[in-house]
Amino acid sequence: MQRTINKTVSRVQKIFLLFLLLSLIRLAAYACDGCSVNQPRILRSISHGTGPDSKWDIWIVALAAASVVLTLFYSVKWLVAPGEKSKDHIKNLVLTSQ
């Protein structure tokens, strides 16, 4: 009984900490009024600091974001369904040893 209560308290604490962390990140994401004036229209009130110096800055960030999204897509895809059919693959040793 005590173990179940401890698990429940631990779960509630984790959810609370996650909520607190996400709330703080959300607050930090908004730009102040002075920074909003310096940003181009597409980035206004999203980021702090000066805006991009040239169009190359936007292209570099867009390319980096595309590579991150592509990497995330393939990592999740191959994690969920790796497609390995070989009987002597290391995953079969792990799966059958249990």
C-alpha atoms as a PDB file:
ATOM      1  CA  MET A   1       0.000   0.000   0.000  1.00  0.00           C
ATOM      2  CA  GLN A   2       2.755   2.435   0.968  1.00  0.00           C
ATOM      3  CA  ARG A   3       4.617   1.653  -2.246  1.00  0.00           C
ATOM      4  CA  THR A   4       1.551   2.545  -4.336  1.00  0.00           C
ATOM      5  CA  ILE A   5       1.199   5.852  -2.482  1.00  0.00           C
ATOM      6  CA  ASN A   6       4.876   6.628  -3.070  1.00  0.00           C
ATOM      7  CA  LYS A   7       4.491   5.912  -6.800  1.00  0.00           C
ATOM      8  CA  THR A   8       1.447   8.176  -6.975  1.00  0.00           C
ATOM      9  CA  VAL A   9       3.208  11.004  -5.161  1.00  0.00           C
ATOM     10  CA  SER A  10       6.240  10.589  -7.366  1.00  0.00           C
ATOM     11  CA  ARG A  11       4.066  10.691 -10.493  1.00  0.00           C
ATOM     12  CA  VAL A  12       2.267  13.820  -9.287  1.00  0.00           C
ATOM     13  CA  GLN A  13       5.588  15.479  -8.495  1.00  0.00           C
ATOM     14  CA  LYS A  14       6.944  14.665 -11.947  1.00  0.00           C
ATOM     15  CA  ILE A  15       3.855  16.066 -13.645  1.00  0.00           C
ATOM     16  CA  PHE A  16       4.040  19.225 -11.527  1.00  0.00           C
ATOM     17  CA  LEU A  17       7.727  19.737 -12.304  1.00  0.00           C
ATOM     18  CA  LEU A  18       7.098  19.201 -16.013  1.00  0.00           C
ATOM     19  CA  PHE A  19       4.243  21.709 -15.940  1.00  0.00           C
ATOM     20  CA  LEU A  20       6.426  24.214 -14.089  1.00  0.00           C
ATOM     21  CA  LEU A  21       9.302  23.765 -16.525  1.00  0.00           C
ATOM     22  CA  LEU A  22       7.064  24.176 -19.569  1.00  0.00           C
ATOM     23  CA  SER A  23       5.470  27.279 -18.052  1.00  0.00           C
ATOM     24  CA  LEU A  24       8.852  28.877 -17.451  1.00  0.00           C
ATOM     25  CA  ILE A  25      10.021  28.053 -20.978  1.00  0.00           C
ATOM     26  CA  ARG A  26       6.838  29.599 -22.363  1.00  0.00           C
ATOM     27  CA  LEU A  27       7.424  32.808 -20.428  1.00  0.00           C
ATOM     28  CA  ALA A  28      11.031  33.038 -21.567  1.00  0.00           C
ATOM     29  CA  ALA A  29      10.044  32.571 -25.202  1.00  0.00           C
ATOM     30  CA  TYR A  30       8.297  35.933 -25.576  1.00  0.00           C
ATOM     31  CA  ALA A  31      10.409  38.900 -26.604  1.00  0.00           C
ATOM     32  CA  CYS A  32      10.423  42.178 -24.736  1.00  0.00           C
ATOM     33  CA  ASP A  33       9.057  45.366 -26.343  1.00  0.00           C
ATOM     34  CA  GLY A  34      12.494  46.707 -27.260  1.00  0.00           C
ATOM     35  CA  CYS A  35      13.483  43.510 -29.047  1.00  0.00           C
ATOM     36  CA  SER A  36      10.157  43.261 -30.864  1.00  0.00           C
ATOM     37  CA  VAL A  37      10.823  46.580 -32.610  1.00  0.00           C
ATOM     38  CA  ASN A  38      14.156  45.334 -34.024  1.00  0.00           C
ATOM     39  CA  GLN A  39      12.761  42.100 -35.456  1.00  0.00           C
ATOM     40  CA  PRO A  40      11.285  41.580 -38.923  1.00  0.00           C
ATOM     41  CA  ARG A  41       7.535  41.033 -39.063  1.00  0.00           C
ATOM     42  CA  ILE A  42       7.752  37.213 -39.177  1.00  0.00           C
ATOM     43  CA  LEU A  43       9.890  37.045 -36.000  1.00  0.00           C
ATOM     44  CA  ARG A  44       8.275  39.903 -34.082  1.00  0.00           C
ATOM     45  CA  SER A  45       7.517  39.071 -30.420  1.00  0.00           C
ATOM     46  CA  ILE A  46       9.062  35.611 -30.772  1.00  0.00           C
ATOM     47  CA  SER A  47      12.799  36.143 -30.385  1.00  0.00           C
ATOM     48  CA  HIS A  48      15.109  38.461 -28.484  1.00  0.00           C
ATOM     49  CA  GLY A  49      17.991  40.501 -29.847  1.00  0.00           C
ATOM     50  CA  THR A  50      18.546  42.048 -33.222  1.00  0.00           C
ATOM     51  CA  GLY A  51      16.995  40.650 -36.335  1.00  0.00           C
ATOM     52  CA  PRO A  52      18.819  38.709 -39.013  1.00  0.00           C
ATOM     53  CA  ASP A  53      21.574  40.682 -40.745  1.00  0.00           C
ATOM     54  CA  SER A  54      20.841  39.336 -44.205  1.00  0.00           C
ATOM     55  CA  LYS A  55      18.630  36.882 -46.051  1.00  0.00           C
ATOM     56  CA  TRP A  56      21.396  34.281 -45.688  1.00  0.00           C
ATOM     57  CA  ASP A  57      20.758  34.148 -41.941  1.00  0.00           C
ATOM     58  CA  ILE A  58      17.165  33.104 -42.512  1.00  0.00           C
ATOM     59  CA  TRP A  59      18.186  30.461 -45.069  1.00  0.00           C
ATOM     60  CA  ILE A  60      20.834  29.028 -42.735  1.00  0.00           C
ATOM     61  CA  VAL A  61      18.361  28.749 -39.864  1.00  0.00           C
ATOM     62  CA  ALA A  62      15.720  27.242 -42.153  1.00  0.00           C
ATOM     63  CA  LEU A  63      18.205  24.662 -43.442  1.00  0.00           C
ATOM     64  CA  ALA A  64      19.262  23.772 -39.895  1.00  0.00           C
ATOM     65  CA  ALA A  65      15.620  23.435 -38.815  1.00  0.00           C
ATOM     66  CA  ALA A  66      14.863  21.223 -41.823  1.00  0.00           C
ATOM     67  CA  SER A  67      17.804  18.962 -40.995  1.00  0.00           C
ATOM     68  CA  VAL A  68      16.645  18.680 -37.362  1.00  0.00           C
ATOM     69  CA  VAL A  69      13.097  17.789 -38.421  1.00  0.00           C
ATOM     70  CA  LEU A  70      14.375  15.243 -40.958  1.00  0.00           C
ATOM     71  CA  THR A  71      16.692  13.677 -38.373  1.00  0.00           C
ATOM     72  CA  LEU A  72      13.884  13.488 -35.817  1.00  0.00           C
ATOM     73  CA  PHE A  73      11.547  11.901 -38.377  1.00  0.00           C
ATOM     74  CA  TYR A  74      14.007   9.163 -39.363  1.00  0.00           C
ATOM     75  CA  SER A  75      15.133   8.465 -35.798  1.00  0.00           C
ATOM     76  CA  VAL A  76      11.528   7.908 -34.688  1.00  0.00           C
ATOM     77  CA  LYS A  77      10.729   5.921 -37.827  1.00  0.00           C
ATOM     78  CA  TRP A  78      13.679   3.556 -37.367  1.00  0.00           C
ATOM     79  CA  LEU A  79      13.117   3.290 -33.645  1.00  0.00           C
ATOM     80  CA  VAL A  80       9.504   2.214 -34.079  1.00  0.00           C
ATOM     81  CA  ALA A  81      10.004  -0.098 -37.082  1.00  0.00           C
ATOM     82  CA  PRO A  82      13.672  -0.799 -37.766  1.00  0.00           C
ATOM     83  CA  GLY A  83      12.933  -3.304 -40.548  1.00  0.00           C
ATOM     84  CA  GLU A  84      15.752  -5.671 -39.592  1.00  0.00           C
ATOM     85  CA  LYS A  85      14.817  -9.239 -40.561  1.00  0.00           C
ATOM     86  CA  SER A  86      18.085 -11.084 -39.911  1.00  0.00           C
ATOM     87  CA  LYS A  87      17.849 -13.866 -37.290  1.00  0.00           C
ATOM     88  CA  ASP A  88      21.325 -13.133 -35.894  1.00  0.00           C
ATOM     89  CA  HIS A  89      20.739  -9.411 -35.390  1.00  0.00           C
ATOM     90  CA  ILE A  90      21.579  -8.096 -31.900  1.00  0.00           C
ATOM     91  CA  LYS A  91      17.982  -7.056 -31.235  1.00  0.00           C
ATOM     92  CA  ASN A  92      16.843 -10.683 -31.431  1.00  0.00           C
ATOM     93  CA  LEU A  93      19.377 -11.644 -28.758  1.00  0.00           C
ATOM     94  CA  VAL A  94      17.941  -8.974 -26.467  1.00  0.00           C
ATOM     95  CA  LEU A  95      14.315  -9.784 -27.251  1.00  0.00           C
ATOM     96  CA  THR A  96      14.637 -13.554 -26.821  1.00  0.00           C
ATOM     97  CA  SER A  97      16.759 -13.479 -23.635  1.00  0.00           C
ATOM     98  CA  GLN A  98      13.813 -12.396 -21.494  1.00  0.00           C
END
